[in-house]
Amino acid sequence: MLKIAGINFDHFHMGDLLRMVDDYPGAEIVGICDEQPSRMTDAKVAFRIPESGVFSKPEDLFATTEVDLVILCPAASKHGEWVERVAPLGADILVEKPFAGSLAEADRMIAACNASGVRLAINWPLNWVHRTGWPSD
């Protein structure tokens, strides 16, 4: 079972991405995190996430929860900052588009993931348009 956490609800795609996780039998939402708890209210209800799975700091989420993949949805201008913060926690990262605001920021994001041994991918929804399901486990 793939354990997935949603971190930072600034970008509106977080709900759509968590819905796909919730619908997929090979994955589970193990936690959600945002510095503004009110932004997680809809997700808590829609995906039946108990209070024990709701966090305001990613470090606290990782201290108590095993995570394989982070769906990271900060504002595009904060992608670098958030990837650098989350990568050392040890889970692969899926970030929303645009990937980065500059080549320097992209280089920092890649370096942070390489240093931590985690993979970094960008969610490009059009890539999934013709797929009928998730890749096999």
N, C-alpha and C. Protein backbone atom coordinates (compact mmCIF):
# COMPACT_ATOMS: atom_id res chain seq x y z
N MET A 1 0.85 -1.18 0.00
CA MET A 1 0.00 0.00 0.00
C MET A 1 0.90 1.24 0.00
N LEU A 2 0.69 2.13 -0.95
CA LEU A 2 1.45 3.36 -1.06
C LEU A 2 0.87 4.39 -0.07
N LYS A 3 1.72 4.88 0.81
CA LYS A 3 1.30 5.83 1.85
C LYS A 3 1.58 7.26 1.37
N ILE A 4 0.52 8.05 1.23
CA ILE A 4 0.63 9.37 0.64
C ILE A 4 0.14 10.44 1.61
N ALA A 5 0.91 11.54 1.66
CA ALA A 5 0.54 12.69 2.48
C ALA A 5 0.38 13.91 1.59
N GLY A 6 -0.58 14.74 1.89
CA GLY A 6 -0.78 16.01 1.20
C GLY A 6 -0.22 17.13 2.06
N ILE A 7 0.74 17.87 1.52
CA ILE A 7 1.36 18.96 2.28
C ILE A 7 1.21 20.27 1.53
N ASN A 8 0.68 21.24 2.18
CA ASN A 8 0.45 22.61 1.73
C ASN A 8 -0.71 22.67 0.73
N PHE A 9 -1.78 23.25 1.17
CA PHE A 9 -3.03 23.31 0.39
C PHE A 9 -3.20 24.64 -0.34
N ASP A 10 -2.11 25.33 -0.61
CA ASP A 10 -2.21 26.62 -1.26
C ASP A 10 -2.73 26.52 -2.69
N HIS A 11 -2.38 25.45 -3.39
CA HIS A 11 -2.80 25.27 -4.79
C HIS A 11 -4.07 24.43 -4.85
N PHE A 12 -5.02 24.84 -5.66
CA PHE A 12 -6.35 24.22 -5.68
C PHE A 12 -6.35 22.77 -6.16
N HIS A 13 -5.30 22.27 -6.79
CA HIS A 13 -5.29 20.88 -7.26
C HIS A 13 -5.16 19.86 -6.13
N MET A 14 -4.84 20.29 -4.92
CA MET A 14 -4.66 19.33 -3.84
C MET A 14 -5.89 18.46 -3.67
N GLY A 15 -7.06 19.04 -3.67
CA GLY A 15 -8.28 18.25 -3.50
C GLY A 15 -8.45 17.22 -4.60
N ASP A 16 -8.19 17.59 -5.85
CA ASP A 16 -8.31 16.65 -6.97
C ASP A 16 -7.31 15.51 -6.82
N LEU A 17 -6.08 15.84 -6.45
CA LEU A 17 -5.05 14.81 -6.32
C LEU A 17 -5.34 13.86 -5.16
N LEU A 18 -5.80 14.39 -4.04
CA LEU A 18 -6.17 13.53 -2.93
C LEU A 18 -7.37 12.65 -3.28
N ARG A 19 -8.27 13.15 -4.08
CA ARG A 19 -9.42 12.36 -4.51
C ARG A 19 -8.95 11.15 -5.32
N MET A 20 -7.95 11.36 -6.19
CA MET A 20 -7.42 10.24 -6.97
C MET A 20 -6.75 9.21 -6.05
N VAL A 21 -6.05 9.68 -5.04
CA VAL A 21 -5.44 8.75 -4.08
C VAL A 21 -6.53 7.97 -3.37
N ASP A 22 -7.57 8.67 -2.91
CA ASP A 22 -8.66 8.03 -2.19
C ASP A 22 -9.37 6.99 -3.05
N ASP A 23 -9.46 7.24 -4.35
CA ASP A 23 -10.14 6.31 -5.26
C ASP A 23 -9.28 5.11 -5.64
N TYR A 24 -7.98 5.20 -5.44
CA TYR A 24 -7.07 4.14 -5.88
C TYR A 24 -6.88 3.10 -4.78
N PRO A 25 -7.19 1.84 -5.05
CA PRO A 25 -7.10 0.82 -4.00
C PRO A 25 -5.68 0.51 -3.52
N GLY A 26 -4.66 0.90 -4.28
CA GLY A 26 -3.29 0.62 -3.89
C GLY A 26 -2.62 1.74 -3.12
N ALA A 27 -3.40 2.74 -2.69
CA ALA A 27 -2.83 3.88 -1.99
C ALA A 27 -3.75 4.32 -0.86
N GLU A 28 -3.15 4.98 0.11
CA GLU A 28 -3.95 5.54 1.20
C GLU A 28 -3.38 6.89 1.61
N ILE A 29 -4.28 7.77 2.02
CA ILE A 29 -3.89 9.07 2.55
C ILE A 29 -3.56 8.86 4.02
N VAL A 30 -2.30 9.08 4.38
CA VAL A 30 -1.88 8.83 5.76
C VAL A 30 -1.79 10.11 6.58
N GLY A 31 -1.90 11.25 5.91
CA GLY A 31 -1.86 12.51 6.65
C GLY A 31 -1.96 13.69 5.71
N ILE A 32 -2.38 14.81 6.29
CA ILE A 32 -2.43 16.07 5.56
C ILE A 32 -1.80 17.14 6.45
N CYS A 33 -1.29 18.18 5.80
CA CYS A 33 -0.54 19.18 6.54
C CYS A 33 -0.66 20.55 5.88
N ASP A 34 -0.92 21.55 6.66
CA ASP A 34 -0.91 22.92 6.18
C ASP A 34 -0.74 23.84 7.38
N GLU A 35 0.00 24.93 7.19
CA GLU A 35 0.21 25.88 8.27
C GLU A 35 -1.06 26.64 8.62
N GLN A 36 -2.05 26.60 7.71
CA GLN A 36 -3.35 27.22 7.97
C GLN A 36 -4.39 26.09 8.04
N PRO A 37 -4.70 25.61 9.23
CA PRO A 37 -5.59 24.46 9.37
C PRO A 37 -6.93 24.58 8.66
N SER A 38 -7.44 25.79 8.52
CA SER A 38 -8.75 25.96 7.87
C SER A 38 -8.73 25.50 6.41
N ARG A 39 -7.56 25.50 5.78
CA ARG A 39 -7.49 25.08 4.38
C ARG A 39 -7.63 23.56 4.23
N MET A 40 -7.54 22.82 5.33
CA MET A 40 -7.66 21.36 5.27
C MET A 40 -9.05 20.85 5.61
N THR A 41 -9.95 21.73 6.00
CA THR A 41 -11.27 21.32 6.49
C THR A 41 -12.01 20.44 5.49
N ASP A 42 -12.10 20.84 4.25
CA ASP A 42 -12.82 20.05 3.24
C ASP A 42 -12.18 18.68 3.04
N ALA A 43 -10.86 18.62 3.01
CA ALA A 43 -10.16 17.34 2.82
C ALA A 43 -10.39 16.41 4.00
N LYS A 44 -10.39 16.95 5.22
CA LYS A 44 -10.64 16.11 6.40
C LYS A 44 -11.99 15.42 6.28
N VAL A 45 -12.97 16.16 5.85
CA VAL A 45 -14.33 15.61 5.73
C VAL A 45 -14.42 14.66 4.54
N ALA A 46 -14.00 15.12 3.38
CA ALA A 46 -14.15 14.34 2.14
C ALA A 46 -13.41 13.00 2.20
N PHE A 47 -12.25 12.98 2.85
CA PHE A 47 -11.43 11.78 2.83
C PHE A 47 -11.36 11.09 4.19
N ARG A 48 -12.26 11.51 5.10
CA ARG A 48 -12.40 10.86 6.40
C ARG A 48 -11.07 10.77 7.15
N ILE A 49 -10.36 11.88 7.21
CA ILE A 49 -9.06 11.91 7.86
C ILE A 49 -9.25 12.27 9.33
N PRO A 50 -8.82 11.40 10.22
CA PRO A 50 -8.98 11.69 11.65
C PRO A 50 -8.04 12.82 12.09
N GLU A 51 -8.35 13.43 13.22
CA GLU A 51 -7.50 14.52 13.73
C GLU A 51 -6.06 14.06 13.91
N SER A 52 -5.85 12.79 14.20
CA SER A 52 -4.48 12.28 14.38
C SER A 52 -3.68 12.30 13.09
N GLY A 53 -4.35 12.51 11.95
CA GLY A 53 -3.68 12.58 10.66
C GLY A 53 -3.59 13.99 10.11
N VAL A 54 -3.85 14.98 10.94
CA VAL A 54 -3.86 16.38 10.51
C VAL A 54 -2.75 17.14 11.24
N PHE A 55 -1.91 17.83 10.47
CA PHE A 55 -0.73 18.48 11.03
C PHE A 55 -0.58 19.90 10.49
N SER A 56 0.12 20.73 11.25
CA SER A 56 0.44 22.08 10.77
C SER A 56 1.91 22.21 10.39
N LYS A 57 2.73 21.19 10.69
CA LYS A 57 4.15 21.18 10.33
C LYS A 57 4.50 19.83 9.71
N PRO A 58 5.13 19.83 8.54
CA PRO A 58 5.48 18.55 7.91
C PRO A 58 6.42 17.71 8.78
N GLU A 59 7.27 18.35 9.54
CA GLU A 59 8.18 17.62 10.41
C GLU A 59 7.41 16.79 11.45
N ASP A 60 6.30 17.33 11.95
CA ASP A 60 5.47 16.60 12.91
C ASP A 60 4.77 15.42 12.23
N LEU A 61 4.31 15.62 11.02
CA LEU A 61 3.67 14.53 10.28
C LEU A 61 4.64 13.37 10.12
N PHE A 62 5.87 13.66 9.68
CA PHE A 62 6.85 12.61 9.46
C PHE A 62 7.34 11.97 10.75
N ALA A 63 7.27 12.69 11.85
CA ALA A 63 7.70 12.14 13.14
C ALA A 63 6.77 11.03 13.62
N THR A 64 5.53 11.05 13.15
CA THR A 64 4.55 10.08 13.64
C THR A 64 3.97 9.17 12.57
N THR A 65 4.31 9.42 11.30
CA THR A 65 3.64 8.74 10.20
C THR A 65 4.65 8.29 9.15
N GLU A 66 4.50 7.07 8.66
CA GLU A 66 5.32 6.59 7.54
C GLU A 66 4.72 7.13 6.24
N VAL A 67 5.54 7.78 5.42
CA VAL A 67 5.08 8.39 4.17
C VAL A 67 5.99 7.95 3.04
N ASP A 68 5.38 7.48 1.94
CA ASP A 68 6.14 7.10 0.74
C ASP A 68 6.21 8.24 -0.26
N LEU A 69 5.13 9.01 -0.37
CA LEU A 69 5.02 10.07 -1.38
C LEU A 69 4.30 11.26 -0.79
N VAL A 70 4.84 12.45 -1.06
CA VAL A 70 4.20 13.70 -0.66
C VAL A 70 3.64 14.36 -1.90
N ILE A 71 2.37 14.72 -1.84
CA ILE A 71 1.78 15.62 -2.82
C ILE A 71 1.98 17.00 -2.24
N LEU A 72 2.77 17.82 -2.93
CA LEU A 72 3.16 19.12 -2.41
C LEU A 72 2.53 20.21 -3.28
N CYS A 73 1.66 21.03 -2.69
CA CYS A 73 0.91 22.02 -3.46
C CYS A 73 1.02 23.44 -2.91
N PRO A 74 2.24 23.94 -2.67
CA PRO A 74 2.35 25.35 -2.28
C PRO A 74 2.14 26.25 -3.49
N ALA A 75 2.08 27.55 -3.25
CA ALA A 75 2.05 28.51 -4.35
C ALA A 75 3.28 28.27 -5.22
N ALA A 76 3.12 28.48 -6.52
CA ALA A 76 4.23 28.24 -7.45
C ALA A 76 5.50 28.99 -7.04
N SER A 77 5.36 30.16 -6.49
CA SER A 77 6.52 30.96 -6.10
C SER A 77 7.27 30.37 -4.90
N LYS A 78 6.68 29.37 -4.26
CA LYS A 78 7.28 28.76 -3.07
C LYS A 78 7.72 27.32 -3.29
N HIS A 79 7.70 26.83 -4.53
CA HIS A 79 8.05 25.43 -4.78
C HIS A 79 9.45 25.10 -4.26
N GLY A 80 10.42 25.94 -4.58
CA GLY A 80 11.79 25.67 -4.15
C GLY A 80 11.92 25.58 -2.65
N GLU A 81 11.36 26.56 -1.98
CA GLU A 81 11.41 26.61 -0.52
C GLU A 81 10.81 25.35 0.10
N TRP A 82 9.66 24.92 -0.42
CA TRP A 82 8.98 23.76 0.16
C TRP A 82 9.65 22.44 -0.20
N VAL A 83 10.15 22.32 -1.40
CA VAL A 83 10.88 21.10 -1.75
C VAL A 83 12.12 20.97 -0.87
N GLU A 84 12.83 22.07 -0.67
CA GLU A 84 14.01 22.04 0.19
C GLU A 84 13.64 21.69 1.63
N ARG A 85 12.47 22.07 2.08
CA ARG A 85 12.03 21.75 3.44
C ARG A 85 11.59 20.29 3.57
N VAL A 86 10.89 19.78 2.56
CA VAL A 86 10.29 18.45 2.66
C VAL A 86 11.25 17.33 2.23
N ALA A 87 12.10 17.56 1.26
CA ALA A 87 12.98 16.50 0.75
C ALA A 87 13.77 15.79 1.86
N PRO A 88 14.36 16.50 2.81
CA PRO A 88 15.13 15.80 3.85
C PRO A 88 14.30 14.88 4.74
N LEU A 89 12.98 14.99 4.67
CA LEU A 89 12.11 14.16 5.49
C LEU A 89 12.02 12.73 4.95
N GLY A 90 12.42 12.53 3.68
CA GLY A 90 12.62 11.18 3.18
C GLY A 90 11.57 10.56 2.28
N ALA A 91 10.60 11.30 1.81
CA ALA A 91 9.59 10.72 0.90
C ALA A 91 9.73 11.35 -0.48
N ASP A 92 9.37 10.57 -1.50
CA ASP A 92 9.34 11.12 -2.85
C ASP A 92 8.32 12.26 -2.89
N ILE A 93 8.49 13.17 -3.87
CA ILE A 93 7.67 14.39 -3.91
C ILE A 93 7.05 14.56 -5.29
N LEU A 94 5.77 14.86 -5.30
CA LEU A 94 5.05 15.28 -6.51
C LEU A 94 4.68 16.73 -6.30
N VAL A 95 5.16 17.60 -7.20
CA VAL A 95 4.90 19.04 -7.08
C VAL A 95 4.03 19.48 -8.26
N GLU A 96 3.21 20.46 -8.03
CA GLU A 96 2.36 20.99 -9.09
C GLU A 96 3.18 21.82 -10.08
N LYS A 97 2.62 22.01 -11.24
CA LYS A 97 3.24 22.88 -12.23
C LYS A 97 2.92 24.33 -11.88
N PRO A 98 3.70 25.27 -12.28
CA PRO A 98 4.98 25.12 -12.95
C PRO A 98 6.03 24.59 -11.97
N PHE A 99 6.99 23.88 -12.50
CA PHE A 99 8.01 23.24 -11.68
C PHE A 99 8.74 24.25 -10.80
N ALA A 100 9.25 25.31 -11.41
CA ALA A 100 10.01 26.32 -10.68
C ALA A 100 9.91 27.65 -11.40
N GLY A 101 10.21 28.71 -10.68
CA GLY A 101 10.16 30.05 -11.26
C GLY A 101 11.43 30.45 -11.99
N SER A 102 12.49 29.69 -11.79
CA SER A 102 13.77 30.00 -12.44
C SER A 102 14.60 28.73 -12.52
N LEU A 103 15.61 28.77 -13.36
CA LEU A 103 16.51 27.64 -13.46
C LEU A 103 17.26 27.44 -12.14
N ALA A 104 17.63 28.51 -11.49
CA ALA A 104 18.34 28.42 -10.21
C ALA A 104 17.47 27.72 -9.16
N GLU A 105 16.18 28.07 -9.13
CA GLU A 105 15.28 27.43 -8.18
C GLU A 105 15.13 25.95 -8.51
N ALA A 106 14.98 25.62 -9.78
CA ALA A 106 14.88 24.22 -10.19
C ALA A 106 16.13 23.45 -9.80
N ASP A 107 17.29 24.05 -10.00
CA ASP A 107 18.54 23.40 -9.61
C ASP A 107 18.60 23.13 -8.11
N ARG A 108 18.11 24.09 -7.30
CA ARG A 108 18.08 23.89 -5.84
C ARG A 108 17.13 22.76 -5.46
N MET A 109 16.00 22.68 -6.12
CA MET A 109 15.03 21.63 -5.84
C MET A 109 15.63 20.26 -6.16
N ILE A 110 16.25 20.16 -7.31
CA ILE A 110 16.87 18.89 -7.72
C ILE A 110 18.00 18.52 -6.77
N ALA A 111 18.82 19.49 -6.40
CA ALA A 111 19.92 19.23 -5.48
C ALA A 111 19.41 18.74 -4.12
N ALA A 112 18.34 19.35 -3.62
CA ALA A 112 17.77 18.93 -2.33
C ALA A 112 17.28 17.49 -2.38
N CYS A 113 16.66 17.13 -3.48
CA CYS A 113 16.15 15.76 -3.62
C CYS A 113 17.29 14.77 -3.80
N ASN A 114 18.28 15.14 -4.60
CA ASN A 114 19.44 14.26 -4.78
C ASN A 114 20.16 14.03 -3.46
N ALA A 115 20.33 15.09 -2.68
CA ALA A 115 21.02 14.99 -1.40
C ALA A 115 20.26 14.10 -0.41
N SER A 116 18.94 14.07 -0.56
CA SER A 116 18.10 13.30 0.35
C SER A 116 17.75 11.92 -0.19
N GLY A 117 18.10 11.65 -1.44
CA GLY A 117 17.80 10.35 -2.03
C GLY A 117 16.33 10.13 -2.32
N VAL A 118 15.60 11.21 -2.59
CA VAL A 118 14.18 11.09 -2.93
C VAL A 118 13.97 11.52 -4.38
N ARG A 119 12.89 11.02 -4.96
CA ARG A 119 12.55 11.38 -6.33
C ARG A 119 11.62 12.58 -6.33
N LEU A 120 11.72 13.38 -7.40
CA LEU A 120 10.91 14.58 -7.56
C LEU A 120 10.24 14.52 -8.92
N ALA A 121 8.94 14.70 -8.94
CA ALA A 121 8.19 14.68 -10.19
C ALA A 121 7.25 15.87 -10.23
N ILE A 122 6.89 16.27 -11.44
CA ILE A 122 5.93 17.35 -11.61
C ILE A 122 4.61 16.76 -12.08
N ASN A 123 3.53 17.24 -11.51
CA ASN A 123 2.21 16.80 -11.94
C ASN A 123 1.82 17.60 -13.17
N TRP A 124 1.67 16.92 -14.27
CA TRP A 124 1.24 17.54 -15.52
C TRP A 124 -0.03 16.81 -15.91
N PRO A 125 -1.20 17.32 -15.50
CA PRO A 125 -2.46 16.59 -15.67
C PRO A 125 -2.74 16.09 -17.08
N LEU A 126 -2.31 16.81 -18.11
CA LEU A 126 -2.59 16.35 -19.46
C LEU A 126 -1.91 15.02 -19.75
N ASN A 127 -0.88 14.69 -19.00
CA ASN A 127 -0.22 13.41 -19.15
C ASN A 127 -1.16 12.26 -18.81
N TRP A 128 -2.13 12.52 -17.95
CA TRP A 128 -3.02 11.45 -17.48
C TRP A 128 -4.33 11.37 -18.27
N VAL A 129 -4.57 12.29 -19.18
CA VAL A 129 -5.86 12.37 -19.88
C VAL A 129 -6.24 11.05 -20.55
N HIS A 130 -5.31 10.41 -21.22
CA HIS A 130 -5.64 9.20 -21.96
C HIS A 130 -5.44 7.93 -21.16
N ARG A 131 -5.06 8.05 -19.93
CA ARG A 131 -4.88 6.86 -19.06
C ARG A 131 -6.23 6.47 -18.49
N THR A 132 -6.45 5.19 -18.35
CA THR A 132 -7.69 4.73 -17.74
C THR A 132 -7.50 4.40 -16.28
N GLY A 133 -6.31 4.42 -15.81
CA GLY A 133 -6.05 4.11 -14.40
C GLY A 133 -4.62 4.45 -14.04
N TRP A 134 -4.27 4.12 -12.84
CA TRP A 134 -2.92 4.36 -12.34
C TRP A 134 -1.99 3.28 -12.85
N PRO A 135 -0.70 3.55 -12.89
CA PRO A 135 0.25 2.49 -13.24
C PRO A 135 0.12 1.34 -12.25
N SER A 136 0.46 0.16 -12.70
CA SER A 136 0.37 -0.99 -11.80
C SER A 136 1.37 -0.85 -10.67
N ASP A 137 1.06 -1.48 -9.56
CA ASP A 137 1.92 -1.39 -8.37
C ASP A 137 3.24 -2.06 -8.61
